[in-house]
Amino acid sequence: MKKVIDINIGGINFSMDDDAYFMLKTYLSKFEATISNPEDVKEVMEDIEYRIAEIFQKEIKGTFQVVNESMVKKIIDMLGEVNDTESQKQNTWDSRNSTFSPGGSTKRLYRDVDNKSIAGVCSGIAVYFDIDITLVRIIFLVGLICFSSTFWIYLILWIALPKALSISQKLEMRGIPVTAENIKKYSYKTKN
């Protein structure tokens, strides 16, 4: 019989067996040691924990299921090993246009609240289709002047599209794989 530990990850309580807890703790400690700026440690680690909590919630089937080693291994595989040279090659920072080179992730449509004018619908569409935000805003403005249905389309999108609030959602919006390294890189990018 294994010892079960209750922990809080990303603001959500989970029960973990002893071996899984130490495996996750070791992974997070190694990752924290790779963060060069001490001022960013808390924010980046909160983002990583939030992502881990999201994955755990998807994996846990019952209310009393205990997180085990196989779930933690799955999380480490999804987020990538610390100092994994293959993932660093696959998800490199492109300094020419200050974006990531995606490693094969699918994009999701969100409202981009960081670049919003009204609700972030136009900026979210611009990020999703990788086009200039000004062009999308002009299209919506011309559509609003010419067709009254554009107002209703915008309103429906405003209601239907979720906001990209967490770093993992912002990465998904751009089609960037949500790995630990990418979360760390995106956190640095948004600070500078």
N, C-alpha and C. Protein backbone atom coordinates (compact mmCIF):
# COMPACT_ATOMS: atom_id res chain seq x y z
N MET A 1 0.83 -1.17 0.00
CA MET A 1 0.00 0.00 0.00
C MET A 1 0.89 1.25 0.00
N LYS A 2 0.56 2.19 -0.90
CA LYS A 2 1.37 3.39 -1.01
C LYS A 2 0.76 4.52 -0.19
N LYS A 3 1.64 5.37 0.28
CA LYS A 3 1.22 6.54 1.04
C LYS A 3 0.62 7.56 0.07
N VAL A 4 -0.49 8.20 0.43
CA VAL A 4 -1.15 9.21 -0.40
C VAL A 4 -0.97 10.57 0.24
N ILE A 5 -0.59 11.54 -0.61
CA ILE A 5 -0.34 12.90 -0.15
C ILE A 5 -1.33 13.83 -0.83
N ASP A 6 -1.92 14.75 -0.07
CA ASP A 6 -2.79 15.78 -0.64
C ASP A 6 -1.94 17.01 -0.92
N ILE A 7 -1.99 17.47 -2.19
CA ILE A 7 -1.20 18.64 -2.59
C ILE A 7 -2.08 19.62 -3.34
N ASN A 8 -1.59 20.84 -3.43
CA ASN A 8 -2.27 21.90 -4.16
C ASN A 8 -1.38 22.30 -5.33
N ILE A 9 -1.89 22.09 -6.54
CA ILE A 9 -1.16 22.46 -7.76
C ILE A 9 -2.04 23.41 -8.55
N GLY A 10 -1.53 24.59 -8.80
CA GLY A 10 -2.28 25.56 -9.59
C GLY A 10 -3.60 25.95 -8.95
N GLY A 11 -3.66 25.93 -7.61
CA GLY A 11 -4.88 26.31 -6.90
C GLY A 11 -5.92 25.21 -6.80
N ILE A 12 -5.58 24.01 -7.22
CA ILE A 12 -6.52 22.89 -7.18
C ILE A 12 -5.89 21.75 -6.36
N ASN A 13 -6.69 21.15 -5.50
CA ASN A 13 -6.20 20.06 -4.65
C ASN A 13 -6.25 18.73 -5.38
N PHE A 14 -5.18 17.95 -5.22
CA PHE A 14 -5.08 16.62 -5.80
C PHE A 14 -4.52 15.68 -4.75
N SER A 15 -4.88 14.41 -4.87
CA SER A 15 -4.28 13.36 -4.05
C SER A 15 -3.29 12.62 -4.93
N MET A 16 -2.08 12.47 -4.43
CA MET A 16 -1.02 11.80 -5.20
C MET A 16 -0.40 10.70 -4.36
N ASP A 17 0.02 9.64 -5.04
CA ASP A 17 0.77 8.65 -4.29
C ASP A 17 2.18 9.19 -4.08
N ASP A 18 2.86 8.62 -3.12
CA ASP A 18 4.15 9.11 -2.67
C ASP A 18 5.18 9.17 -3.81
N ASP A 19 5.27 8.12 -4.61
CA ASP A 19 6.26 8.07 -5.70
C ASP A 19 5.97 9.14 -6.76
N ALA A 20 4.72 9.32 -7.10
CA ALA A 20 4.35 10.33 -8.09
C ALA A 20 4.66 11.73 -7.58
N TYR A 21 4.42 11.96 -6.30
CA TYR A 21 4.70 13.26 -5.70
C TYR A 21 6.19 13.60 -5.81
N PHE A 22 7.05 12.65 -5.46
CA PHE A 22 8.49 12.93 -5.50
C PHE A 22 8.98 13.06 -6.94
N MET A 23 8.38 12.32 -7.86
CA MET A 23 8.75 12.45 -9.28
C MET A 23 8.40 13.86 -9.79
N LEU A 24 7.20 14.32 -9.46
CA LEU A 24 6.77 15.66 -9.89
C LEU A 24 7.59 16.73 -9.20
N LYS A 25 7.85 16.56 -7.93
CA LYS A 25 8.64 17.53 -7.18
C LYS A 25 10.05 17.65 -7.75
N THR A 26 10.65 16.53 -8.12
CA THR A 26 11.98 16.54 -8.73
C THR A 26 11.96 17.25 -10.08
N TYR A 27 10.94 16.97 -10.89
CA TYR A 27 10.81 17.61 -12.19
C TYR A 27 10.68 19.13 -12.04
N LEU A 28 9.81 19.56 -11.14
CA LEU A 28 9.60 20.99 -10.94
C LEU A 28 10.85 21.67 -10.37
N SER A 29 11.58 20.98 -9.50
CA SER A 29 12.82 21.54 -8.95
C SER A 29 13.87 21.72 -10.04
N LYS A 30 14.01 20.71 -10.91
CA LYS A 30 14.96 20.82 -12.03
C LYS A 30 14.57 21.96 -12.96
N PHE A 31 13.28 22.07 -13.24
CA PHE A 31 12.82 23.13 -14.12
C PHE A 31 13.06 24.50 -13.49
N GLU A 32 12.76 24.62 -12.21
CA GLU A 32 12.96 25.90 -11.52
C GLU A 32 14.43 26.32 -11.54
N ALA A 33 15.33 25.35 -11.46
CA ALA A 33 16.76 25.65 -11.49
C ALA A 33 17.22 26.18 -12.84
N THR A 34 16.46 25.92 -13.91
CA THR A 34 16.86 26.41 -15.24
C THR A 34 16.42 27.85 -15.50
N ILE A 35 15.60 28.42 -14.63
CA ILE A 35 15.15 29.79 -14.81
C ILE A 35 16.25 30.72 -14.33
N SER A 36 16.77 31.52 -15.25
CA SER A 36 17.94 32.32 -14.94
C SER A 36 17.63 33.58 -14.13
N ASN A 37 16.48 34.20 -14.35
CA ASN A 37 16.15 35.44 -13.66
C ASN A 37 15.33 35.13 -12.41
N PRO A 38 15.88 35.43 -11.22
CA PRO A 38 15.17 35.09 -9.98
C PRO A 38 13.83 35.81 -9.83
N GLU A 39 13.66 36.95 -10.48
CA GLU A 39 12.41 37.70 -10.39
C GLU A 39 11.27 37.00 -11.13
N ASP A 40 11.62 36.16 -12.13
CA ASP A 40 10.62 35.48 -12.94
C ASP A 40 10.22 34.11 -12.41
N VAL A 41 10.94 33.61 -11.42
CA VAL A 41 10.73 32.24 -10.95
C VAL A 41 9.30 32.02 -10.51
N LYS A 42 8.76 32.90 -9.69
CA LYS A 42 7.42 32.69 -9.14
C LYS A 42 6.38 32.65 -10.26
N GLU A 43 6.44 33.61 -11.17
CA GLU A 43 5.43 33.68 -12.24
C GLU A 43 5.51 32.48 -13.18
N VAL A 44 6.70 32.10 -13.58
CA VAL A 44 6.86 30.97 -14.50
C VAL A 44 6.42 29.68 -13.83
N MET A 45 6.78 29.49 -12.57
CA MET A 45 6.40 28.27 -11.86
C MET A 45 4.88 28.21 -11.66
N GLU A 46 4.24 29.35 -11.43
CA GLU A 46 2.78 29.36 -11.31
C GLU A 46 2.14 28.94 -12.63
N ASP A 47 2.71 29.41 -13.75
CA ASP A 47 2.18 29.04 -15.06
C ASP A 47 2.35 27.55 -15.33
N ILE A 48 3.49 27.00 -14.96
CA ILE A 48 3.74 25.57 -15.14
C ILE A 48 2.77 24.76 -14.27
N GLU A 49 2.60 25.17 -13.03
CA GLU A 49 1.68 24.46 -12.13
C GLU A 49 0.25 24.54 -12.64
N TYR A 50 -0.14 25.68 -13.18
CA TYR A 50 -1.49 25.82 -13.74
C TYR A 50 -1.69 24.84 -14.90
N ARG A 51 -0.69 24.72 -15.75
CA ARG A 51 -0.77 23.79 -16.89
C ARG A 51 -0.84 22.35 -16.39
N ILE A 52 -0.04 22.01 -15.38
CA ILE A 52 -0.06 20.66 -14.82
C ILE A 52 -1.45 20.36 -14.23
N ALA A 53 -2.03 21.34 -13.54
CA ALA A 53 -3.36 21.14 -12.97
C ALA A 53 -4.40 20.92 -14.06
N GLU A 54 -4.29 21.65 -15.18
CA GLU A 54 -5.21 21.44 -16.31
C GLU A 54 -5.13 20.01 -16.83
N ILE A 55 -3.91 19.52 -16.97
CA ILE A 55 -3.71 18.16 -17.50
C ILE A 55 -4.23 17.12 -16.51
N PHE A 56 -3.93 17.31 -15.22
CA PHE A 56 -4.44 16.38 -14.21
C PHE A 56 -5.96 16.33 -14.23
N GLN A 57 -6.62 17.48 -14.36
CA GLN A 57 -8.08 17.50 -14.38
C GLN A 57 -8.63 16.72 -15.56
N LYS A 58 -7.93 16.77 -16.70
CA LYS A 58 -8.38 16.01 -17.86
C LYS A 58 -8.15 14.51 -17.68
N GLU A 59 -7.10 14.15 -16.96
CA GLU A 59 -6.72 12.75 -16.79
C GLU A 59 -7.52 12.03 -15.71
N ILE A 60 -7.90 12.76 -14.67
CA ILE A 60 -8.58 12.13 -13.55
C ILE A 60 -10.02 11.84 -13.93
N LYS A 61 -10.41 10.59 -13.80
CA LYS A 61 -11.74 10.14 -14.21
C LYS A 61 -12.76 10.24 -13.09
N GLY A 62 -12.40 9.82 -11.89
CA GLY A 62 -13.33 9.83 -10.77
C GLY A 62 -12.95 10.88 -9.74
N THR A 63 -13.84 11.13 -8.82
CA THR A 63 -13.58 12.16 -7.83
C THR A 63 -12.53 11.74 -6.80
N PHE A 64 -12.36 10.45 -6.60
CA PHE A 64 -11.41 9.97 -5.61
C PHE A 64 -10.18 9.31 -6.23
N GLN A 65 -9.94 9.54 -7.52
CA GLN A 65 -8.79 8.94 -8.17
C GLN A 65 -7.51 9.62 -7.69
N VAL A 66 -6.52 8.81 -7.46
CA VAL A 66 -5.22 9.29 -6.99
C VAL A 66 -4.29 9.42 -8.18
N VAL A 67 -3.55 10.54 -8.22
CA VAL A 67 -2.56 10.74 -9.28
C VAL A 67 -1.42 9.78 -9.04
N ASN A 68 -1.07 9.01 -10.08
CA ASN A 68 -0.01 8.02 -9.94
C ASN A 68 1.18 8.37 -10.83
N GLU A 69 2.19 7.51 -10.79
CA GLU A 69 3.42 7.76 -11.55
C GLU A 69 3.18 7.83 -13.06
N SER A 70 2.29 7.02 -13.57
CA SER A 70 2.05 7.04 -15.02
C SER A 70 1.47 8.39 -15.46
N MET A 71 0.62 9.00 -14.63
CA MET A 71 0.09 10.32 -14.97
C MET A 71 1.19 11.38 -14.94
N VAL A 72 2.06 11.29 -13.96
CA VAL A 72 3.16 12.25 -13.86
C VAL A 72 4.12 12.07 -15.04
N LYS A 73 4.39 10.81 -15.42
CA LYS A 73 5.24 10.57 -16.59
C LYS A 73 4.61 11.16 -17.85
N LYS A 74 3.30 11.03 -17.97
CA LYS A 74 2.59 11.59 -19.12
C LYS A 74 2.73 13.11 -19.14
N ILE A 75 2.65 13.73 -17.98
CA ILE A 75 2.81 15.19 -17.90
C ILE A 75 4.22 15.59 -18.29
N ILE A 76 5.19 14.87 -17.82
CA ILE A 76 6.59 15.18 -18.15
C ILE A 76 6.81 15.01 -19.64
N ASP A 77 6.20 13.98 -20.24
CA ASP A 77 6.31 13.80 -21.69
C ASP A 77 5.65 14.95 -22.45
N MET A 78 4.51 15.42 -21.95
CA MET A 78 3.79 16.51 -22.61
C MET A 78 4.55 17.83 -22.48
N LEU A 79 5.07 18.11 -21.30
CA LEU A 79 5.76 19.38 -21.06
C LEU A 79 7.20 19.36 -21.53
N GLY A 80 7.76 18.17 -21.66
CA GLY A 80 9.14 18.03 -22.11
C GLY A 80 10.10 17.93 -20.95
N GLU A 81 11.12 17.14 -21.16
CA GLU A 81 12.16 17.00 -20.14
C GLU A 81 12.92 18.31 -20.00
N VAL A 82 13.43 18.55 -18.82
CA VAL A 82 14.26 19.72 -18.59
C VAL A 82 15.58 19.51 -19.32
N ASN A 83 16.02 20.52 -20.07
CA ASN A 83 17.24 20.47 -20.88
C ASN A 83 17.15 19.42 -21.98
N ASP A 84 15.95 19.18 -22.49
CA ASP A 84 15.74 18.24 -23.59
C ASP A 84 16.19 18.92 -24.89
N THR A 85 17.30 18.48 -25.46
CA THR A 85 17.86 19.16 -26.64
C THR A 85 16.96 19.03 -27.85
N GLU A 86 16.22 17.93 -27.98
CA GLU A 86 15.33 17.77 -29.12
C GLU A 86 14.20 18.78 -29.09
N SER A 87 13.63 19.00 -27.89
CA SER A 87 12.53 19.97 -27.81
C SER A 87 13.05 21.38 -27.97
N GLN A 88 14.29 21.64 -27.59
CA GLN A 88 14.85 22.97 -27.79
C GLN A 88 15.06 23.24 -29.26
N LYS A 89 15.44 22.23 -30.02
CA LYS A 89 15.59 22.40 -31.47
C LYS A 89 14.22 22.58 -32.12
N GLN A 90 13.24 21.85 -31.63
CA GLN A 90 11.92 21.86 -32.24
C GLN A 90 11.17 23.16 -31.94
N ASN A 91 11.38 23.74 -30.78
CA ASN A 91 10.66 24.93 -30.36
C ASN A 91 11.64 26.07 -30.13
N THR A 92 12.25 26.55 -31.17
CA THR A 92 13.25 27.59 -31.05
C THR A 92 12.64 28.96 -31.12
N TRP A 93 13.35 29.92 -30.55
CA TRP A 93 12.91 31.30 -30.56
C TRP A 93 13.41 31.94 -31.84
N ASP A 94 12.53 32.55 -32.61
CA ASP A 94 12.90 33.22 -33.85
C ASP A 94 13.05 34.70 -33.55
N SER A 95 14.29 35.18 -33.46
CA SER A 95 14.54 36.56 -33.06
C SER A 95 14.18 37.56 -34.14
N ARG A 96 14.02 37.13 -35.39
CA ARG A 96 13.69 38.07 -36.46
C ARG A 96 12.30 38.67 -36.28
N ASN A 97 11.33 37.88 -35.91
CA ASN A 97 9.99 38.42 -35.75
C ASN A 97 9.42 38.19 -34.35
N SER A 98 10.29 37.84 -33.39
CA SER A 98 9.91 37.67 -31.99
C SER A 98 8.75 36.69 -31.80
N THR A 99 8.78 35.59 -32.52
CA THR A 99 7.77 34.56 -32.33
C THR A 99 8.46 33.22 -32.17
N PHE A 100 7.69 32.23 -31.75
CA PHE A 100 8.19 30.87 -31.64
C PHE A 100 8.01 30.17 -32.97
N SER A 101 8.85 29.20 -33.22
CA SER A 101 8.64 28.31 -34.35
C SER A 101 7.91 27.10 -33.82
N PRO A 102 6.64 26.91 -34.17
CA PRO A 102 5.86 25.84 -33.57
C PRO A 102 6.38 24.46 -33.95
N GLY A 103 6.20 23.53 -33.03
CA GLY A 103 6.63 22.15 -33.26
C GLY A 103 5.47 21.24 -33.60
N GLY A 104 4.45 21.73 -34.26
CA GLY A 104 3.37 20.87 -34.71
C GLY A 104 2.13 20.89 -33.85
N SER A 105 1.86 21.98 -33.18
CA SER A 105 0.66 22.06 -32.36
C SER A 105 -0.48 22.68 -33.15
N THR A 106 -1.71 22.39 -32.76
CA THR A 106 -2.86 22.96 -33.44
C THR A 106 -3.27 24.25 -32.76
N LYS A 107 -3.81 25.17 -33.54
CA LYS A 107 -4.24 26.46 -33.01
C LYS A 107 -5.66 26.37 -32.50
N ARG A 108 -5.97 27.20 -31.51
CA ARG A 108 -7.33 27.35 -31.01
C ARG A 108 -7.70 28.82 -31.07
N LEU A 109 -8.94 29.10 -31.35
CA LEU A 109 -9.41 30.47 -31.47
C LEU A 109 -9.85 30.99 -30.11
N TYR A 110 -9.19 32.05 -29.66
CA TYR A 110 -9.50 32.74 -28.42
C TYR A 110 -9.63 34.23 -28.71
N ARG A 111 -10.17 34.96 -27.73
CA ARG A 111 -10.10 36.42 -27.80
C ARG A 111 -8.77 36.84 -27.20
N ASP A 112 -8.03 37.67 -27.92
CA ASP A 112 -6.72 38.13 -27.47
C ASP A 112 -6.90 39.40 -26.64
N VAL A 113 -6.94 39.25 -25.33
CA VAL A 113 -7.21 40.39 -24.45
C VAL A 113 -5.99 41.28 -24.27
N ASP A 114 -4.81 40.81 -24.66
CA ASP A 114 -3.61 41.63 -24.54
C ASP A 114 -3.57 42.74 -25.59
N ASN A 115 -4.16 42.52 -26.75
CA ASN A 115 -4.12 43.48 -27.85
C ASN A 115 -5.52 43.96 -28.23
N LYS A 116 -6.41 44.00 -27.29
CA LYS A 116 -7.79 44.31 -27.61
C LYS A 116 -8.03 45.80 -27.73
N SER A 117 -9.02 46.15 -28.55
CA SER A 117 -9.55 47.51 -28.59
C SER A 117 -10.90 47.54 -27.89
N ILE A 118 -11.75 46.57 -28.20
CA ILE A 118 -13.06 46.48 -27.55
C ILE A 118 -13.13 45.20 -26.72
N ALA A 119 -13.12 44.04 -27.40
CA ALA A 119 -13.26 42.78 -26.68
C ALA A 119 -12.17 41.78 -27.01
N GLY A 120 -11.31 42.08 -27.97
CA GLY A 120 -10.25 41.16 -28.35
C GLY A 120 -10.64 40.18 -29.44
N VAL A 121 -11.81 40.36 -30.05
CA VAL A 121 -12.26 39.44 -31.10
C VAL A 121 -11.38 39.60 -32.34
N CYS A 122 -11.19 40.83 -32.80
CA CYS A 122 -10.39 41.07 -34.01
C CYS A 122 -8.94 40.64 -33.80
N SER A 123 -8.37 40.95 -32.64
CA SER A 123 -6.99 40.57 -32.39
C SER A 123 -6.85 39.05 -32.28
N GLY A 124 -7.86 38.38 -31.71
CA GLY A 124 -7.83 36.92 -31.64
C GLY A 124 -7.90 36.29 -33.02
N ILE A 125 -8.76 36.84 -33.88
CA ILE A 125 -8.86 36.33 -35.26
C ILE A 125 -7.55 36.58 -36.01
N ALA A 126 -6.96 37.75 -35.78
CA ALA A 126 -5.69 38.07 -36.45
C ALA A 126 -4.58 37.12 -36.04
N VAL A 127 -4.51 36.80 -34.76
CA VAL A 127 -3.49 35.85 -34.29
C VAL A 127 -3.76 34.46 -34.84
N TYR A 128 -5.01 34.04 -34.83
CA TYR A 128 -5.37 32.70 -35.29
C TYR A 128 -5.02 32.50 -36.77
N PHE A 129 -5.35 33.49 -37.60
CA PHE A 129 -5.08 33.37 -39.04
C PHE A 129 -3.73 33.96 -39.43
N ASP A 130 -2.97 34.46 -38.46
CA ASP A 130 -1.63 35.00 -38.68
C ASP A 130 -1.65 36.13 -39.73
N ILE A 131 -2.56 37.09 -39.52
CA ILE A 131 -2.65 38.26 -40.40
C ILE A 131 -2.59 39.51 -39.53
N ASP A 132 -2.44 40.65 -40.19
CA ASP A 132 -2.31 41.91 -39.48
C ASP A 132 -3.63 42.27 -38.79
N ILE A 133 -3.53 42.68 -37.54
CA ILE A 133 -4.71 43.01 -36.76
C ILE A 133 -5.46 44.21 -37.35
N THR A 134 -4.72 45.14 -37.94
CA THR A 134 -5.36 46.32 -38.55
C THR A 134 -6.26 45.91 -39.69
N LEU A 135 -5.82 44.94 -40.48
CA LEU A 135 -6.62 44.46 -41.60
C LEU A 135 -7.94 43.85 -41.12
N VAL A 136 -7.89 43.07 -40.06
CA VAL A 136 -9.10 42.45 -39.52
C VAL A 136 -10.04 43.53 -38.99
N ARG A 137 -9.48 44.53 -38.30
CA ARG A 137 -10.33 45.61 -37.78
C ARG A 137 -10.98 46.41 -38.91
N ILE A 138 -10.24 46.65 -39.99
CA ILE A 138 -10.80 47.37 -41.14
C ILE A 138 -11.92 46.56 -41.78
N ILE A 139 -11.71 45.25 -41.92
CA ILE A 139 -12.74 44.38 -42.51
C ILE A 139 -14.01 44.43 -41.66
N PHE A 140 -13.87 44.34 -40.34
CA PHE A 140 -15.05 44.41 -39.49
C PHE A 140 -15.71 45.79 -39.56
N LEU A 141 -14.93 46.85 -39.65
CA LEU A 141 -15.49 48.20 -39.74
C LEU A 141 -16.26 48.39 -41.04
N VAL A 142 -15.66 47.97 -42.17
CA VAL A 142 -16.33 48.06 -43.47
C VAL A 142 -17.59 47.20 -43.46
N GLY A 143 -17.49 46.02 -42.88
CA GLY A 143 -18.65 45.13 -42.79
C GLY A 143 -19.75 45.74 -41.94
N LEU A 144 -19.36 46.44 -40.88
CA LEU A 144 -20.35 47.09 -40.02
C LEU A 144 -21.07 48.21 -40.75
N ILE A 145 -20.32 48.96 -41.56
CA ILE A 145 -20.92 50.06 -42.32
C ILE A 145 -21.82 49.52 -43.43
N CYS A 146 -21.38 48.49 -44.13
CA CYS A 146 -22.12 47.97 -45.29
C CYS A 146 -23.22 46.97 -44.91
N PHE A 147 -22.96 46.17 -43.90
CA PHE A 147 -23.91 45.10 -43.55
C PHE A 147 -24.19 45.16 -42.05
N SER A 148 -25.42 45.20 -41.68
CA SER A 148 -25.76 45.25 -40.25
C SER A 148 -25.51 43.91 -39.56
N SER A 149 -25.44 42.86 -40.34
CA SER A 149 -25.22 41.54 -39.75
C SER A 149 -23.82 41.42 -39.13
N THR A 150 -22.88 42.24 -39.56
CA THR A 150 -21.52 42.19 -39.00
C THR A 150 -21.54 42.50 -37.50
N PHE A 151 -22.40 43.41 -37.10
CA PHE A 151 -22.53 43.72 -35.66
C PHE A 151 -22.91 42.47 -34.88
N TRP A 152 -23.88 41.73 -35.40
CA TRP A 152 -24.35 40.52 -34.72
C TRP A 152 -23.29 39.43 -34.73
N ILE A 153 -22.54 39.33 -35.82
CA ILE A 153 -21.45 38.35 -35.89
C ILE A 153 -20.40 38.67 -34.82
N TYR A 154 -20.02 39.94 -34.73
CA TYR A 154 -19.04 40.37 -33.73
C TYR A 154 -19.55 40.07 -32.32
N LEU A 155 -20.81 40.39 -32.07
CA LEU A 155 -21.40 40.16 -30.76
C LEU A 155 -21.42 38.67 -30.40
N ILE A 156 -21.77 37.84 -31.37
CA ILE A 156 -21.78 36.39 -31.13
C ILE A 156 -20.37 35.87 -30.85
N LEU A 157 -19.39 36.35 -31.61
CA LEU A 157 -18.00 35.95 -31.36
C LEU A 157 -17.52 36.42 -29.99
N TRP A 158 -17.93 37.61 -29.61
CA TRP A 158 -17.57 38.16 -28.30
C TRP A 158 -18.08 37.24 -27.19
N ILE A 159 -19.29 36.76 -27.35
CA ILE A 159 -19.89 35.89 -26.34
C ILE A 159 -19.33 34.47 -26.41
N ALA A 160 -19.14 33.96 -27.61
CA ALA A 160 -18.77 32.55 -27.79
C ALA A 160 -17.29 32.26 -27.57
N LEU A 161 -16.42 33.18 -27.94
CA LEU A 161 -14.98 32.91 -27.84
C LEU A 161 -14.48 33.15 -26.42
N PRO A 162 -13.74 32.19 -25.87
CA PRO A 162 -13.18 32.40 -24.54
C PRO A 162 -11.97 33.35 -24.60
N LYS A 163 -11.69 34.01 -23.49
CA LYS A 163 -10.52 34.88 -23.40
C LYS A 163 -9.27 34.02 -23.23
N ALA A 164 -8.18 34.45 -23.84
CA ALA A 164 -6.89 33.79 -23.62
C ALA A 164 -6.24 34.47 -22.42
N LEU A 165 -6.43 33.88 -21.24
CA LEU A 165 -5.93 34.48 -20.01
C LEU A 165 -4.62 33.86 -19.54
N SER A 166 -4.54 32.55 -19.56
CA SER A 166 -3.33 31.88 -19.08
C SER A 166 -2.30 31.80 -20.20
N ILE A 167 -1.07 31.58 -19.81
CA ILE A 167 0.00 31.47 -20.81
C ILE A 167 -0.23 30.26 -21.69
N SER A 168 -0.75 29.17 -21.15
CA SER A 168 -1.01 28.00 -21.99
C SER A 168 -2.07 28.31 -23.04
N GLN A 169 -3.09 29.09 -22.69
CA GLN A 169 -4.11 29.47 -23.67
C GLN A 169 -3.52 30.40 -24.73
N LYS A 170 -2.63 31.29 -24.32
CA LYS A 170 -2.00 32.20 -25.27
C LYS A 170 -1.09 31.43 -26.24
N LEU A 171 -0.45 30.39 -25.73
CA LEU A 171 0.38 29.55 -26.61
C LEU A 171 -0.51 28.76 -27.57
N GLU A 172 -1.61 28.19 -27.06
CA GLU A 172 -2.54 27.46 -27.93
C GLU A 172 -3.11 28.36 -29.01
N MET A 173 -3.37 29.61 -28.68
CA MET A 173 -3.93 30.56 -29.65
C MET A 173 -2.95 30.79 -30.81
N ARG A 174 -1.67 30.72 -30.52
CA ARG A 174 -0.65 30.94 -31.53
C ARG A 174 -0.20 29.64 -32.21
N GLY A 175 -0.70 28.51 -31.74
CA GLY A 175 -0.33 27.22 -32.33
C GLY A 175 1.01 26.72 -31.84
N ILE A 176 1.43 27.19 -30.69
CA ILE A 176 2.71 26.80 -30.11
C ILE A 176 2.47 25.67 -29.11
N PRO A 177 3.24 24.59 -29.17
CA PRO A 177 3.05 23.50 -28.21
C PRO A 177 3.21 24.01 -26.77
N VAL A 178 2.35 23.57 -25.88
CA VAL A 178 2.39 24.01 -24.49
C VAL A 178 3.35 23.11 -23.74
N THR A 179 4.64 23.42 -23.87
CA THR A 179 5.67 22.69 -23.14
C THR A 179 6.25 23.61 -22.08
N ALA A 180 6.97 23.03 -21.15
CA ALA A 180 7.56 23.82 -20.07
C ALA A 180 8.52 24.87 -20.62
N GLU A 181 9.33 24.49 -21.59
CA GLU A 181 10.28 25.44 -22.19
C GLU A 181 9.54 26.59 -22.87
N ASN A 182 8.48 26.31 -23.60
CA ASN A 182 7.73 27.37 -24.28
C ASN A 182 7.03 28.29 -23.29
N ILE A 183 6.53 27.74 -22.20
CA ILE A 183 5.91 28.58 -21.17
C ILE A 183 6.96 29.52 -20.59
N LYS A 184 8.15 28.99 -20.35
CA LYS A 184 9.23 29.82 -19.81
C LYS A 184 9.63 30.90 -20.81
N LYS A 185 9.77 30.54 -22.08
CA LYS A 185 10.15 31.51 -23.11
C LYS A 185 9.09 32.57 -23.29
N TYR A 186 7.83 32.17 -23.30
CA TYR A 186 6.74 33.13 -23.49
C TYR A 186 6.64 34.07 -22.32
N SER A 187 6.91 33.57 -21.10
CA SER A 187 6.90 34.44 -19.91
C SER A 187 7.97 35.50 -20.02
N TYR A 188 9.17 35.13 -20.51
CA TYR A 188 10.23 36.10 -20.70
C TYR A 188 9.87 37.10 -21.77
N LYS A 189 9.23 36.62 -22.86
CA LYS A 189 8.86 37.49 -23.98
C LYS A 189 7.86 38.55 -23.53
N THR A 190 6.88 38.17 -22.75
CA THR A 190 5.86 39.12 -22.32
C THR A 190 6.39 40.12 -21.31
N LYS A 191 7.44 39.79 -20.60
CA LYS A 191 8.02 40.73 -19.64
C LYS A 191 8.84 41.79 -20.35
N ASN A 192 9.45 41.41 -21.51
CA ASN A 192 10.36 42.36 -22.19
C ASN A 192 9.63 43.17 -23.22
